[in-house]
């Protein structure tokens, strides 16, 4: 499966956007996806925090599986949001990797600012 196929299948399970492109930021489907993306990313961080705090940093197989599930949820929300923005998931991934390669080549992979 490639990113675009994943995106197509993800969008087919979107019950609030109903497969349409959404250009208005206050549309309830957009609001749902943005807030849910932040929530799912928070769940990844929460699981990680508890591994550090309660398990001396040791990631069990169960912890790993739970984090993977949450990362899958993050992936779903990113794919659907990209669709709302009329962006292919393949292109989103390619553009991101190109940006990071350019930063690495110019020794600006770390630091502040989007356009470094």
Protein backbone atom coordinates (compact mmCIF):
# COMPACT_ATOMS: atom_id res chain seq x y z
CA UNK A 1 0.00 0.00 0.00
CA UNK A 2 1.26 3.50 -0.75
CA UNK A 3 0.37 6.72 1.01
CA UNK A 4 -2.32 7.72 -1.50
CA UNK A 5 -4.04 4.34 -1.18
CA UNK A 6 -3.95 4.70 2.62
CA UNK A 7 -5.42 8.19 2.33
CA UNK A 8 -8.23 7.00 0.08
CA UNK A 9 -9.12 4.22 2.50
CA UNK A 10 -8.84 6.55 5.51
CA UNK A 11 -11.17 9.11 3.92
CA UNK A 12 -13.70 6.34 3.23
CA UNK A 13 -14.01 5.86 7.02
CA UNK A 14 -14.43 9.58 7.81
CA UNK A 15 -17.95 9.94 9.16
CA UNK A 16 -17.84 13.71 9.71
CA UNK A 17 -16.29 14.90 6.44
CA UNK A 18 -18.22 12.42 4.30
CA UNK A 19 -15.49 12.29 1.65
CA UNK A 20 -15.64 15.94 0.68
CA UNK A 21 -12.85 18.51 0.45
CA UNK A 22 -13.23 21.06 3.21
CA UNK A 23 -11.91 24.59 2.71
CA UNK A 24 -13.60 26.39 5.62
CA UNK A 25 -11.59 26.20 8.83
CA UNK A 26 -14.66 26.35 11.09
CA UNK A 27 -16.41 23.41 9.40
CA UNK A 28 -17.20 20.88 12.18
CA UNK A 29 -15.34 18.12 10.30
CA UNK A 30 -12.17 20.24 10.21
CA UNK A 31 -12.47 21.19 13.87
CA UNK A 32 -13.00 17.54 14.77
CA UNK A 33 -9.89 16.42 12.88
CA UNK A 34 -7.57 19.13 14.19
CA UNK A 35 -8.60 18.63 17.81
CA UNK A 36 -8.51 14.85 17.46
CA UNK A 37 -5.02 14.95 15.91
CA UNK A 38 -3.76 16.91 18.89
CA UNK A 39 -5.55 14.51 21.24
CA UNK A 40 -4.05 11.41 19.62
CA UNK A 41 -0.56 12.91 19.64
CA UNK A 42 -1.15 13.68 23.31
CA UNK A 43 -2.03 10.04 23.92
CA UNK A 44 1.32 9.01 22.40
CA UNK A 45 3.08 11.45 24.73
CA UNK A 46 1.05 10.28 27.73
CA UNK A 47 1.97 6.63 27.14
CA UNK A 48 5.62 7.60 26.75
CA UNK A 49 5.52 9.67 29.94
CA UNK A 50 4.16 6.75 31.92
CA UNK A 51 6.89 4.46 30.58
CA UNK A 52 9.50 6.94 31.79
CA UNK A 53 7.76 7.67 35.10
CA UNK A 54 6.45 4.23 36.06
CA UNK A 55 8.56 1.69 34.19
CA UNK A 56 12.08 3.13 34.39
CA UNK A 57 12.02 3.76 30.65
CA UNK A 58 11.57 0.11 29.71
CA UNK A 59 9.13 -0.30 26.81
CA UNK A 60 7.24 -3.58 27.11
CA UNK A 61 5.69 -5.35 24.13
CA UNK A 62 2.28 -4.18 25.37
CA UNK A 63 3.53 -0.58 25.64
CA UNK A 64 4.92 -0.80 22.12
CA UNK A 65 1.63 -2.13 20.77
CA UNK A 66 -0.35 0.63 22.47
CA UNK A 67 1.96 3.35 21.14
CA UNK A 68 1.76 1.87 17.63
CA UNK A 69 -2.05 2.01 17.82
CA UNK A 70 -1.96 5.67 18.80
CA UNK A 71 0.55 6.47 16.05
CA UNK A 72 -1.84 4.83 13.60
CA UNK A 73 -4.57 7.17 14.80
CA UNK A 74 -2.24 10.15 14.29
CA UNK A 75 -1.52 8.90 10.76
CA UNK A 76 -5.25 8.65 10.01
CA UNK A 77 -5.94 12.22 11.09
CA UNK A 78 -2.99 13.56 9.08
CA UNK A 79 -4.16 11.67 5.99
CA UNK A 80 -7.71 13.00 6.26
CA UNK A 81 -6.60 16.57 6.98
CA UNK A 82 -4.34 16.46 3.94
CA UNK A 83 -7.33 15.29 1.89
CA UNK A 84 -9.43 18.20 3.19
CA UNK A 85 -6.61 20.48 1.97
CA UNK A 86 -6.68 18.76 -1.44
CA UNK A 87 -3.17 17.36 -0.93
CA UNK A 88 -2.19 13.83 -1.83
CA UNK A 89 -0.64 11.91 1.03
CA UNK A 90 2.17 10.74 -1.28
CA UNK A 91 3.00 14.35 -2.09
CA UNK A 92 2.77 15.38 1.57
CA UNK A 93 5.30 12.68 2.50
CA UNK A 94 7.60 13.51 -0.44
CA UNK A 95 7.54 17.24 0.28
CA UNK A 96 8.38 16.62 3.93
CA UNK A 97 11.32 14.34 3.11
CA UNK A 98 12.60 16.82 0.51
CA UNK A 99 12.44 19.62 3.09
CA UNK A 100 14.34 17.55 5.65
CA UNK A 101 16.97 16.46 3.10
CA UNK A 102 17.55 20.10 2.15
CA UNK A 103 17.94 21.05 5.82
CA UNK A 104 20.37 18.19 6.39
CA UNK A 105 22.40 19.12 3.33
CA UNK A 106 22.70 22.72 4.55
CA UNK A 107 23.42 21.59 8.14
CA UNK A 108 20.18 23.16 9.38
CA UNK A 109 18.35 19.97 10.44
CA UNK A 110 18.20 21.32 13.99
CA UNK A 111 17.31 24.81 15.07
CA UNK A 112 14.30 27.05 15.07
CA UNK A 113 11.95 28.23 12.36
CA UNK A 114 10.07 26.58 9.54
CA UNK A 115 12.15 28.05 6.72
CA UNK A 116 15.68 27.29 7.81
